[in-house]
Amino acid sequence: MHNPGTVTPERFPARERFADGAQFIAGRLTRGTSGRTHAVIDPASGTDVYTYELAGTDDVDAAVAAAREAFPAWAAAGPGERSDALHRFAAVIADRAEDFARAESLQCGKPLKLTREFDVPGTIDNTAFFAGAARHLTGQAAAEYSGDHTSYVRREPIGVVGSIAPWNYPLQMAAWKILPAIAAGNTVVLKPAELTPLTSLLFAQAATDAGIPDGVINIVTGTGREAGERLVGHPDVAMTSFTGSTAVGKRVAEIATATVKRLHLELGGKAPFVVFDDADLEAAVHGAVAGALINTGQDCTAATRAYVQRPLYEAFVEQTAALMDGVRLGDPFAPGTDLGPLVSHAQRDRVAAFVDRARGYARVVAGGEAPQGDLANGAYYRPTLIADAAQDSEVVQAEIFGPVLVVLPFDSDDEGIRLANDTPYGLAASAWSRDVYRANRATREIKAGCVWVNDHIPIISEMPHGGFKQSGFGKDMSTYSFEEYTQVKHVMFDNTAVARKDWHRTIFGDR
């Protein structure tokens, strides 16, 4: 499906920024040393966008060394200094917003209206938030806890953070990994996905142009097996932050255990969308379609399992199918496009295989196929609605990561909440009801890191994002994320020489 044709400058205005390679180490772009190349492919057309040399273990070692060298000075910088640098960083990203938006759309297949209105503004807002958070790195206030001793708590940066980001939100994931870490005084080596490195590299270049010192942010673009495993296992990396599938997260945890690294894992999701019989049906239908199809369903918080109380079930299925049928697939750069392709043909084929297997035990009500005609060369798949699957079936339990929504009925409120909790995941969920008590019960009893009420998908910089159960642990965004990139130190002062002598006598007697 690859087309060696050239992407036009209008679609990829930042092309010249990548002329020197796809590794960003100690403030400059370099070429990878693995001896292998990789192509970034436009999933909408199959056109080659950018071919680069993959990072090898030597590149990872060089990036970690650069981060380790930069750490003492960056950690020692005052909160105001780091805050000012991050404010400048936000301004540079804002100045280059269109370059970021186009590069993100090109490598991911996202509609340009989505990257312009969501991905890039969200990243700018995150950067501004952590610019403010940098001034609030404080421990517990000093207090008298033990007679003539004074204790207080320091929050200190950890050191070099090795981060691994996925391909579904490359720009925002780079921001979520890097910003809280450097705001707290750490330095970072980030490995983006091989499919989508462009905006992570633009992000690092913008940081350098904003005056953030060389070595504070480093990017190594290589495979998970080579570059990723070396980064996680590196003895000079003090913390690993990973976002991706639960299966790979388990492997990351296994490697990190050897050096007892701190871990932050944001893993898979299978978000339930629970519609009680008093819900606003029209609002729930629109919320389900938007929540299921955001980023072509390649979102770990996307609505994937709709549980609808039986009085509304058939109407919900019918109206959701009709609304899905009206979604416009097309060129991500065209103003009228609602839904772009999946990130690759391999991902499209994976999603299609889930749906094809489901035909044997469930009802495919809408979609369920790749479009033909002008879109045939792209990694497109029609919005798909599956009804009447069993709770223990593959499409209900497994993370499909595509534009597929499965709908199941339930009878009692107890059953709806039980079914919502009946997967290994616990990242996000939503509850739809006009009854505040009913909705509040759902937010309390559904086991997920975020539960929306009468909405699904919005996030804000001030609030944490992260899961329960096999969706991982740790938080992105918010001050909760900021604190995770620090270590807590207890400091105690003996205020009197007499107390010190008495303590000595208590232990050793009069000697």
Protein backbone atom coordinates (compact mmCIF):
# COMPACT_ATOMS: atom_id res chain seq x y z
CA MET A 1 0.00 0.00 0.00
CA HIS A 2 3.03 2.31 0.06
CA ASN A 3 3.32 5.00 -2.58
CA PRO A 4 6.80 6.53 -3.06
CA GLY A 5 5.25 9.77 -4.28
CA THR A 6 6.07 13.13 -2.73
CA VAL A 7 3.92 14.92 -0.19
CA THR A 8 3.27 18.52 -1.18
CA PRO A 9 4.83 21.39 0.83
CA GLU A 10 1.33 22.65 1.64
CA ARG A 11 0.54 19.42 3.49
CA PHE A 12 3.96 19.19 5.15
CA PRO A 13 5.35 22.73 5.60
CA ALA A 14 7.82 21.64 8.30
CA ARG A 15 9.60 19.09 6.08
CA GLU A 16 12.91 20.96 6.07
CA ARG A 17 13.11 20.73 9.87
CA PHE A 18 13.83 16.99 9.58
CA ALA A 19 16.69 17.15 7.10
CA ASP A 20 19.34 16.10 9.65
CA GLY A 21 17.65 12.99 11.03
CA ALA A 22 15.02 11.78 13.49
CA GLN A 23 17.10 11.61 16.69
CA PHE A 24 17.19 14.74 18.86
CA ILE A 25 20.08 14.51 21.31
CA ALA A 26 21.70 17.31 23.31
CA GLY A 27 19.89 20.00 21.36
CA ARG A 28 20.45 18.85 17.78
CA LEU A 29 19.06 16.44 15.21
CA THR A 30 21.21 13.47 14.23
CA ARG A 31 20.80 10.28 12.23
CA GLY A 32 20.15 6.94 13.91
CA THR A 33 22.94 4.36 14.08
CA SER A 34 20.96 1.09 13.94
CA GLY A 35 21.69 0.60 10.25
CA ARG A 36 17.97 0.35 9.44
CA THR A 37 15.49 2.85 8.05
CA HIS A 38 11.79 3.39 8.59
CA ALA A 39 9.20 5.32 6.58
CA VAL A 40 6.48 7.55 7.96
CA ILE A 41 3.45 6.83 5.77
CA ASP A 42 0.43 9.06 5.18
CA PRO A 43 -2.35 6.58 6.07
CA ALA A 44 -4.88 8.48 3.97
CA SER A 45 -3.04 7.81 0.69
CA GLY A 46 -0.23 5.35 1.40
CA THR A 47 2.29 8.00 0.36
CA ASP A 48 5.76 8.00 1.90
CA VAL A 49 6.13 11.15 4.00
CA TYR A 50 9.60 10.86 5.53
CA THR A 51 12.19 8.08 5.66
CA TYR A 52 14.70 8.13 8.50
CA GLU A 53 17.41 6.08 10.15
CA LEU A 54 16.17 4.25 13.25
CA ALA A 55 17.86 4.70 16.62
CA GLY A 56 20.08 1.93 17.93
CA THR A 57 21.27 1.26 21.46
CA ASP A 58 24.20 3.65 20.95
CA ASP A 59 21.76 6.48 20.31
CA VAL A 60 19.84 5.64 23.47
CA ASP A 61 23.06 5.64 25.47
CA ALA A 62 24.04 9.02 23.99
CA ALA A 63 20.62 10.50 24.78
CA VAL A 64 20.69 9.22 28.37
CA ALA A 65 24.22 10.60 28.80
CA ALA A 66 23.07 14.00 27.52
CA ALA A 67 20.10 13.99 29.89
CA ARG A 68 22.29 12.94 32.81
CA GLU A 69 24.77 15.73 32.08
CA ALA A 70 22.00 18.33 31.85
CA PHE A 71 20.24 17.19 35.01
CA PRO A 72 22.28 18.90 37.80
CA ALA A 73 21.96 22.41 36.36
CA TRP A 74 18.29 22.01 35.39
CA ALA A 75 17.39 20.52 38.77
CA ALA A 76 19.19 23.38 40.51
CA ALA A 77 17.40 26.05 38.48
CA GLY A 78 14.87 28.01 40.50
CA PRO A 79 11.16 27.32 39.99
CA GLY A 80 10.80 30.75 38.42
CA GLU A 81 13.50 30.00 35.88
CA ARG A 82 11.89 26.73 34.81
CA SER A 83 8.47 28.40 34.75
CA ASP A 84 9.67 31.22 32.52
CA ALA A 85 11.24 28.72 30.11
CA LEU A 86 7.98 26.78 29.86
CA HIS A 87 6.00 29.96 29.23
CA ARG A 88 8.38 30.76 26.35
CA PHE A 89 7.95 27.18 25.17
CA ALA A 90 4.15 27.57 25.04
CA ALA A 91 4.57 30.75 22.98
CA VAL A 92 6.84 29.02 20.45
CA ILE A 93 4.36 26.15 20.02
CA ALA A 94 1.57 28.69 19.50
CA ASP A 95 3.64 30.47 16.84
CA ARG A 96 4.15 27.15 15.03
CA ALA A 97 0.63 25.81 15.59
CA GLU A 98 -0.13 25.23 11.92
CA ASP A 99 3.11 23.28 11.38
CA PHE A 100 2.23 21.06 14.34
CA ALA A 101 -1.37 20.58 13.19
CA ARG A 102 -0.43 19.60 9.63
CA ALA A 103 2.38 17.27 10.67
CA GLU A 104 0.08 15.53 13.18
CA SER A 105 -2.69 15.12 10.61
CA LEU A 106 -0.29 13.86 7.97
CA GLN A 107 1.39 11.16 10.07
CA CYS A 108 -1.75 9.98 11.94
CA GLY A 109 -4.57 10.52 9.46
CA LYS A 110 -6.44 12.78 11.87
CA PRO A 111 -8.76 15.37 10.33
CA LEU A 112 -6.98 18.71 10.27
CA LYS A 113 -9.92 20.34 12.06
CA LEU A 114 -9.28 17.95 14.99
CA THR A 115 -5.56 18.69 15.26
CA ARG A 116 -6.19 22.43 14.90
CA GLU A 117 -8.97 22.56 17.49
CA PHE A 118 -7.96 19.83 19.93
CA ASP A 119 -4.45 18.36 19.73
CA VAL A 120 -2.42 21.54 19.30
CA PRO A 121 -4.47 23.88 21.56
CA GLY A 122 -4.50 21.13 24.20
CA THR A 123 -0.71 20.88 24.03
CA ILE A 124 -0.30 24.64 24.35
CA ASP A 125 -2.64 24.64 27.34
CA ASN A 126 -0.72 21.75 28.96
CA THR A 127 2.53 23.65 28.52
CA ALA A 128 1.09 26.78 30.08
CA PHE A 129 -0.37 24.73 32.97
CA PHE A 130 2.98 23.15 33.85
CA ALA A 131 4.68 26.51 33.50
CA GLY A 132 2.52 27.57 36.42
CA ALA A 133 2.94 24.26 38.26
CA ALA A 134 6.72 24.66 38.20
CA ARG A 135 6.34 27.42 40.84
CA HIS A 136 4.46 25.11 43.21
CA LEU A 137 6.97 22.36 43.89
CA THR A 138 6.50 22.38 47.65
CA GLY A 139 6.59 19.87 50.46
CA GLN A 140 4.71 19.79 53.74
CA ALA A 141 5.09 22.85 55.92
CA ALA A 142 7.65 22.70 58.70
CA ALA A 143 6.27 21.53 62.02
CA GLU A 144 7.41 20.32 65.44
CA TYR A 145 6.89 16.57 65.51
CA SER A 146 9.38 15.30 68.06
CA GLY A 147 10.20 17.54 71.00
CA ASP A 148 13.12 19.79 70.13
CA HIS A 149 13.36 18.58 66.53
CA THR A 150 11.92 20.30 63.46
CA SER A 151 10.82 18.21 60.46
CA TYR A 152 9.83 19.16 56.98
CA VAL A 153 9.42 17.49 53.59
CA ARG A 154 11.28 18.31 50.38
CA ARG A 155 10.02 17.32 46.95
CA GLU A 156 12.99 16.79 44.68
CA PRO A 157 13.38 15.77 41.03
CA ILE A 158 14.18 12.12 40.42
CA GLY A 159 16.77 12.32 37.64
CA VAL A 160 16.63 11.07 34.06
CA VAL A 161 13.14 9.94 33.02
CA GLY A 162 12.83 7.47 30.15
CA SER A 163 9.44 7.83 28.47
CA ILE A 164 7.74 5.84 25.74
CA ALA A 165 4.76 7.33 23.88
CA PRO A 166 2.19 5.69 21.54
CA TRP A 167 1.14 6.55 18.00
CA ASN A 168 -2.47 7.60 18.58
CA TYR A 169 -1.79 11.07 20.07
CA PRO A 170 1.93 11.64 19.38
CA LEU A 171 2.01 15.36 20.15
CA GLN A 172 -0.16 15.29 23.24
CA MET A 173 1.55 12.18 24.60
CA ALA A 174 4.95 13.84 24.17
CA ALA A 175 3.62 16.79 26.13
CA TRP A 176 2.04 14.65 28.86
CA LYS A 177 5.31 12.76 29.32
CA ILE A 178 7.77 15.62 29.07
CA LEU A 179 6.11 18.65 30.65
CA PRO A 180 5.49 17.50 34.26
CA ALA A 181 8.89 15.82 34.33
CA ILE A 182 10.88 18.89 33.30
CA ALA A 183 8.68 21.29 35.29
CA ALA A 184 9.75 19.33 38.39
CA GLY A 185 13.43 19.58 37.42
CA ASN A 186 14.01 16.21 35.72
CA THR A 187 15.48 15.62 32.28
CA VAL A 188 13.84 13.33 29.73
CA VAL A 189 14.58 10.85 26.97
CA LEU A 190 11.41 10.15 25.00
CA LYS A 191 10.93 7.33 22.51
CA PRO A 192 7.97 8.07 20.23
CA ALA A 193 6.33 5.39 18.10
CA GLU A 194 8.21 4.68 14.86
CA LEU A 195 5.04 5.38 12.86
CA THR A 196 4.56 8.91 14.18
CA PRO A 197 7.76 10.70 15.32
CA LEU A 198 7.31 14.02 13.52
CA THR A 199 5.51 16.15 16.10
CA SER A 200 7.63 14.81 18.98
CA LEU A 201 10.70 16.06 17.12
CA LEU A 202 9.03 19.41 16.40
CA PHE A 203 8.17 19.60 20.11
CA ALA A 204 11.81 19.10 21.16
CA GLN A 205 13.02 21.64 18.60
CA ALA A 206 10.51 24.19 19.88
CA ALA A 207 11.77 23.63 23.43
CA THR A 208 15.34 24.34 22.40
CA ASP A 209 14.27 27.44 20.47
CA ALA A 210 12.44 28.60 23.61
CA GLY A 211 15.70 28.45 25.57
CA ILE A 212 15.30 25.16 27.42
CA PRO A 213 18.90 23.92 27.82
CA ASP A 214 20.38 21.24 25.58
CA GLY A 215 19.96 17.76 26.99
CA VAL A 216 16.85 18.51 29.05
CA ILE A 217 14.66 16.99 26.30
CA ASN A 218 15.97 14.24 24.04
CA ILE A 219 14.15 12.11 21.45
CA VAL A 220 15.22 8.67 20.21
CA THR A 221 13.13 7.21 17.39
CA GLY A 222 13.61 3.47 17.20
CA THR A 223 11.88 0.16 17.68
CA GLY A 224 10.46 -0.94 20.99
CA ARG A 225 12.53 -4.11 21.03
CA GLU A 226 15.84 -2.29 20.53
CA ALA A 227 15.56 1.37 21.56
CA GLY A 228 12.62 0.97 23.93
CA GLU A 229 13.96 -1.95 25.92
CA ARG A 230 17.39 -0.34 26.19
CA LEU A 231 15.81 2.87 27.49
CA VAL A 232 13.68 1.08 30.09
CA GLY A 233 16.57 -1.07 31.29
CA HIS A 234 19.24 1.64 31.25
CA PRO A 235 20.94 1.89 34.65
CA ASP A 236 21.10 5.70 34.47
CA VAL A 237 17.36 6.08 33.91
CA ALA A 238 15.66 6.63 37.27
CA MET A 239 12.01 6.46 36.17
CA THR A 240 10.07 4.95 33.27
CA SER A 241 6.80 6.42 31.99
CA PHE A 242 4.97 4.32 29.40
CA THR A 243 1.69 4.70 27.54
CA GLY A 244 0.52 1.82 25.36
CA SER A 245 -1.09 -1.59 25.45
CA THR A 246 -1.43 -3.59 28.64
CA ALA A 247 0.58 -6.46 27.13
CA VAL A 248 3.57 -4.23 26.37
CA GLY A 249 3.14 -2.46 29.72
CA LYS A 250 3.68 -5.78 31.47
CA ARG A 251 6.93 -6.23 29.54
CA VAL A 252 8.03 -2.71 30.49
CA ALA A 253 7.34 -3.46 34.15
CA GLU A 254 9.33 -6.68 33.93
CA ILE A 255 12.40 -4.91 32.52
CA ALA A 256 12.16 -1.96 34.94
CA THR A 257 12.06 -4.31 37.92
CA ALA A 258 15.69 -5.27 37.39
CA THR A 259 16.82 -1.78 38.40
CA VAL A 260 13.87 -1.01 40.70
CA LYS A 261 12.81 2.01 38.66
CA ARG A 262 9.79 4.07 39.50
CA LEU A 263 7.04 3.25 37.01
CA HIS A 264 4.19 5.21 35.49
CA LEU A 265 1.94 3.07 33.28
CA GLU A 266 -1.07 4.32 31.29
CA LEU A 267 -2.34 1.22 29.53
CA GLY A 268 -5.33 -0.11 27.63
CA GLY A 269 -8.97 0.71 28.05
CA LYS A 270 -12.42 -0.62 27.16
CA ALA A 271 -14.62 2.24 28.32
CA PRO A 272 -18.25 1.45 29.20
CA PHE A 273 -20.99 3.89 28.17
CA VAL A 274 -23.93 3.23 30.52
CA VAL A 275 -27.33 4.59 29.44
CA PHE A 276 -30.08 4.41 32.07
CA ASP A 277 -33.72 4.43 31.02
CA ASP A 278 -34.30 8.03 32.14
CA ALA A 279 -31.44 9.41 30.00
CA ASP A 280 -31.86 11.98 27.24
CA LEU A 281 -31.79 9.50 24.34
CA GLU A 282 -30.79 11.99 21.65
CA ALA A 283 -27.92 13.33 23.76
CA ALA A 284 -26.76 9.80 24.56
CA VAL A 285 -26.80 8.76 20.89
CA HIS A 286 -24.75 11.77 19.84
CA GLY A 287 -22.42 11.26 22.79
CA ALA A 288 -21.91 7.61 21.87
CA VAL A 289 -21.04 8.35 18.25
CA ALA A 290 -18.65 11.14 19.19
CA GLY A 291 -17.14 9.13 22.02
CA ALA A 292 -16.70 6.00 19.92
CA LEU A 293 -15.30 7.66 16.80
CA ILE A 294 -12.92 10.24 18.29
CA ASN A 295 -9.55 9.81 16.55
CA THR A 296 -11.15 7.03 14.47
CA GLY A 297 -11.67 5.08 17.69
CA GLN A 298 -7.93 4.96 18.37
CA ASP A 299 -8.29 6.33 21.87
CA CYS A 300 -7.93 4.31 25.07
CA THR A 301 -10.80 6.31 26.62
CA ALA A 302 -13.12 5.97 23.60
CA ALA A 303 -16.63 4.68 24.20
CA THR A 304 -16.43 1.03 23.17
CA ARG A 305 -19.14 -0.80 25.19
CA ALA A 306 -22.56 0.83 25.30
CA TYR A 307 -24.84 -0.72 27.93
CA VAL A 308 -28.38 0.54 27.35
CA GLN A 309 -31.28 -0.17 29.71
CA ARG A 310 -33.82 -2.29 27.87
CA PRO A 311 -36.63 0.29 27.40
CA LEU A 312 -34.24 2.44 25.32
CA TYR A 313 -32.18 -0.33 23.73
CA GLU A 314 -33.75 -0.78 20.27
CA ALA A 315 -34.22 2.96 19.74
CA PHE A 316 -30.60 3.57 20.76
CA VAL A 317 -29.35 0.95 18.29
CA GLU A 318 -31.47 2.31 15.45
CA GLN A 319 -30.58 5.98 16.00
CA THR A 320 -26.88 5.32 16.59
CA ALA A 321 -26.65 3.30 13.37
CA ALA A 322 -28.35 6.09 11.43
CA LEU A 323 -26.03 8.73 12.86
CA MET A 324 -22.95 6.60 12.11
CA ASP A 325 -24.11 6.16 8.51
CA GLY A 326 -24.00 9.93 8.09
CA VAL A 327 -20.38 10.31 9.21
CA ARG A 328 -18.24 11.59 6.32
CA LEU A 329 -14.97 9.77 5.64
CA GLY A 330 -12.41 11.57 3.52
CA ASP A 331 -9.13 13.39 3.09
CA PRO A 332 -8.00 14.59 6.55
CA PHE A 333 -7.11 17.97 5.03
CA ALA A 334 -10.58 18.51 3.51
CA PRO A 335 -12.85 20.78 5.59
CA GLY A 336 -15.87 18.47 5.32
CA THR A 337 -14.16 15.33 6.63
CA ASP A 338 -15.48 13.94 9.90
CA LEU A 339 -13.38 10.77 10.10
CA GLY A 340 -9.93 10.00 8.78
CA PRO A 341 -8.18 6.67 8.26
CA LEU A 342 -6.67 4.48 10.92
CA VAL A 343 -2.97 4.99 11.52
CA SER A 344 -1.89 2.19 9.19
CA HIS A 345 -3.18 -0.54 6.91
CA ALA A 346 -2.05 -3.09 9.49
CA GLN A 347 -4.24 -1.46 12.14
CA ARG A 348 -7.17 -1.26 9.70
CA ASP A 349 -6.82 -4.98 8.95
CA ARG A 350 -6.66 -5.79 12.67
CA VAL A 351 -9.93 -3.91 13.29
CA ALA A 352 -11.59 -5.56 10.29
CA ALA A 353 -10.61 -9.01 11.60
CA PHE A 354 -12.37 -8.32 14.93
CA VAL A 355 -15.56 -7.34 13.09
CA ASP A 356 -15.41 -10.28 10.70
CA ARG A 357 -15.08 -12.73 13.58
CA ALA A 358 -18.00 -11.04 15.38
CA ARG A 359 -20.37 -11.80 12.49
CA GLY A 360 -20.47 -15.36 13.75
CA TYR A 361 -22.01 -14.45 17.11
CA ALA A 362 -23.40 -10.89 16.92
CA ARG A 363 -25.30 -8.52 14.65
CA VAL A 364 -23.31 -5.94 12.61
CA VAL A 365 -25.86 -3.14 12.33
CA ALA A 366 -23.79 -0.46 10.60
CA GLY A 367 -20.46 -0.28 8.82
CA GLY A 368 -18.27 -3.34 9.03
CA GLU A 369 -16.24 -2.72 5.88
CA ALA A 370 -13.51 -0.65 4.28
CA PRO A 371 -14.73 1.93 1.74
CA GLN A 372 -13.88 1.60 -1.93
CA GLY A 373 -13.47 4.20 -4.66
CA ASP A 374 -11.36 7.26 -3.92
CA LEU A 375 -10.55 6.05 -0.39
CA ALA A 376 -9.47 2.53 -1.32
CA ASN A 377 -5.73 3.25 -1.05
CA GLY A 378 -6.04 4.62 2.47
CA ALA A 379 -6.38 2.79 5.79
CA TYR A 380 -10.08 3.68 6.11
CA TYR A 381 -12.80 1.69 7.86
CA ARG A 382 -16.45 2.64 8.13
CA PRO A 383 -17.94 3.46 11.56
CA THR A 384 -19.25 0.17 12.85
CA LEU A 385 -22.04 -0.73 15.29
CA ILE A 386 -22.32 -4.26 16.66
CA ALA A 387 -25.35 -5.36 18.68
CA ASP A 388 -26.35 -8.41 20.71
CA ALA A 389 -22.87 -9.74 21.47
CA ALA A 390 -22.41 -11.78 24.64
CA GLN A 391 -20.67 -10.14 27.59
CA ASP A 392 -17.81 -12.66 27.45
CA SER A 393 -17.28 -12.30 23.67
CA GLU A 394 -14.10 -10.98 22.12
CA VAL A 395 -15.53 -7.66 20.90
CA VAL A 396 -16.81 -6.87 24.39
CA GLN A 397 -13.68 -7.86 26.30
CA ALA A 398 -10.75 -7.00 23.99
CA GLU A 399 -9.42 -3.56 23.05
CA ILE A 400 -10.17 -3.18 19.33
CA PHE A 401 -8.79 0.37 18.93
CA GLY A 402 -10.86 1.35 15.93
CA PRO A 403 -14.22 2.92 15.00
CA VAL A 404 -16.30 0.12 16.52
CA LEU A 405 -19.02 0.42 19.17
CA VAL A 406 -20.64 -2.66 20.73
CA VAL A 407 -24.14 -2.27 22.24
CA LEU A 408 -25.66 -4.59 24.86
CA PRO A 409 -28.91 -4.35 26.84
CA PHE A 410 -29.33 -4.52 30.60
CA ASP A 411 -32.32 -4.63 32.93
CA SER A 412 -31.60 -3.41 36.47
CA ASP A 413 -29.19 -0.67 37.57
CA ASP A 414 -27.23 -3.28 39.49
CA GLU A 415 -26.75 -5.29 36.30
CA GLY A 416 -25.65 -2.26 34.27
CA ILE A 417 -22.95 -1.31 36.77
CA ARG A 418 -21.84 -4.94 37.13
CA LEU A 419 -21.44 -5.30 33.36
CA ALA A 420 -19.60 -1.98 33.13
CA ASN A 421 -17.01 -3.30 35.59
CA ASP A 422 -16.74 -6.71 33.95
CA THR A 423 -13.48 -6.33 32.00
CA PRO A 424 -9.83 -6.23 33.13
CA TYR A 425 -9.68 -2.51 32.28
CA GLY A 426 -10.58 0.58 34.28
CA LEU A 427 -9.45 3.71 32.48
CA ALA A 428 -12.61 5.68 31.71
CA ALA A 429 -16.40 5.35 31.64
CA SER A 430 -19.54 7.43 31.35
CA ALA A 431 -23.03 7.31 32.86
CA TRP A 432 -26.11 8.85 31.25
CA SER A 433 -29.08 9.75 33.46
CA ARG A 434 -31.26 12.72 34.42
CA ASP A 435 -31.34 11.48 38.03
CA VAL A 436 -28.47 12.95 40.05
CA TYR A 437 -28.64 10.17 42.64
CA ARG A 438 -28.53 7.46 40.01
CA ALA A 439 -25.64 9.13 38.23
CA ASN A 440 -23.78 9.67 41.49
CA ARG A 441 -24.12 5.99 42.35
CA ALA A 442 -22.60 5.11 38.97
CA THR A 443 -19.64 7.45 39.49
CA ARG A 444 -19.01 5.83 42.87
CA GLU A 445 -19.36 2.18 41.86
CA ILE A 446 -17.85 2.08 38.35
CA LYS A 447 -14.17 1.22 38.74
CA ALA A 448 -12.41 3.64 36.41
CA GLY A 449 -10.00 6.52 36.71
CA CYS A 450 -12.49 8.91 35.11
CA VAL A 451 -16.28 8.71 35.01
CA TRP A 452 -18.11 11.32 32.96
CA VAL A 453 -21.79 12.07 33.51
CA ASN A 454 -23.88 12.88 30.42
CA ASP A 455 -20.72 13.34 28.38
CA HIS A 456 -17.81 11.24 27.15
CA ILE A 457 -14.21 12.15 26.23
CA PRO A 458 -13.39 15.76 27.31
CA ILE A 459 -10.26 16.27 29.41
CA ILE A 460 -8.64 19.34 30.94
CA SER A 461 -5.10 20.11 32.05
CA GLU A 462 -6.11 20.73 35.66
CA MET A 463 -7.57 17.25 36.19
CA PRO A 464 -5.78 13.87 36.31
CA HIS A 465 -5.93 11.18 33.65
CA GLY A 466 -5.06 7.56 34.48
CA GLY A 467 -6.59 4.21 35.21
CA PHE A 468 -7.42 1.42 37.63
CA LYS A 469 -6.91 -2.35 37.33
CA GLN A 470 -5.04 -3.42 34.16
CA SER A 471 -5.32 0.07 32.74
CA GLY A 472 -2.22 0.88 34.79
CA PHE A 473 -1.31 3.30 37.54
CA GLY A 474 -0.14 6.87 37.76
CA LYS A 475 -1.67 10.07 36.44
CA ASP A 476 -1.07 12.33 33.47
CA MET A 477 -1.84 16.05 33.58
CA SER A 478 -2.74 18.01 36.73
CA THR A 479 -0.68 18.49 39.89
CA TYR A 480 -1.07 14.76 40.59
CA SER A 481 1.08 14.10 37.53
CA PHE A 482 3.56 16.79 38.56
CA GLU A 483 4.10 15.19 41.96
CA GLU A 484 4.70 11.76 40.43
CA TYR A 485 7.89 13.07 38.86
CA THR A 486 9.30 13.98 42.28
CA GLN A 487 10.67 12.03 45.22
CA VAL A 488 9.85 12.90 48.81
CA LYS A 489 12.61 13.52 51.32
CA HIS A 490 12.13 13.95 55.05
CA VAL A 491 14.53 16.46 56.64
CA MET A 492 14.88 16.67 60.44
CA PHE A 493 16.83 19.24 62.50
CA ASP A 494 17.98 18.80 66.10
CA ASN A 495 17.47 22.28 67.53
CA THR A 496 19.59 21.96 70.70
CA ALA A 497 22.99 20.57 71.56
CA VAL A 498 21.50 19.24 74.84
CA ALA A 499 18.95 17.16 72.98
CA ARG A 500 21.72 15.68 70.86
CA LYS A 501 23.73 14.61 73.95
CA ASP A 502 20.64 13.17 75.61
CA TRP A 503 19.88 11.09 72.51
CA HIS A 504 23.45 9.78 72.54
CA ARG A 505 23.17 8.82 76.25
CA THR A 506 19.87 7.03 75.59
CA ILE A 507 21.57 4.73 73.13
CA PHE A 508 25.10 4.32 74.49
CA GLY A 509 24.92 5.36 78.15
CA ASP A 510 27.49 7.69 79.84
CA ARG A 511 30.54 7.07 77.70
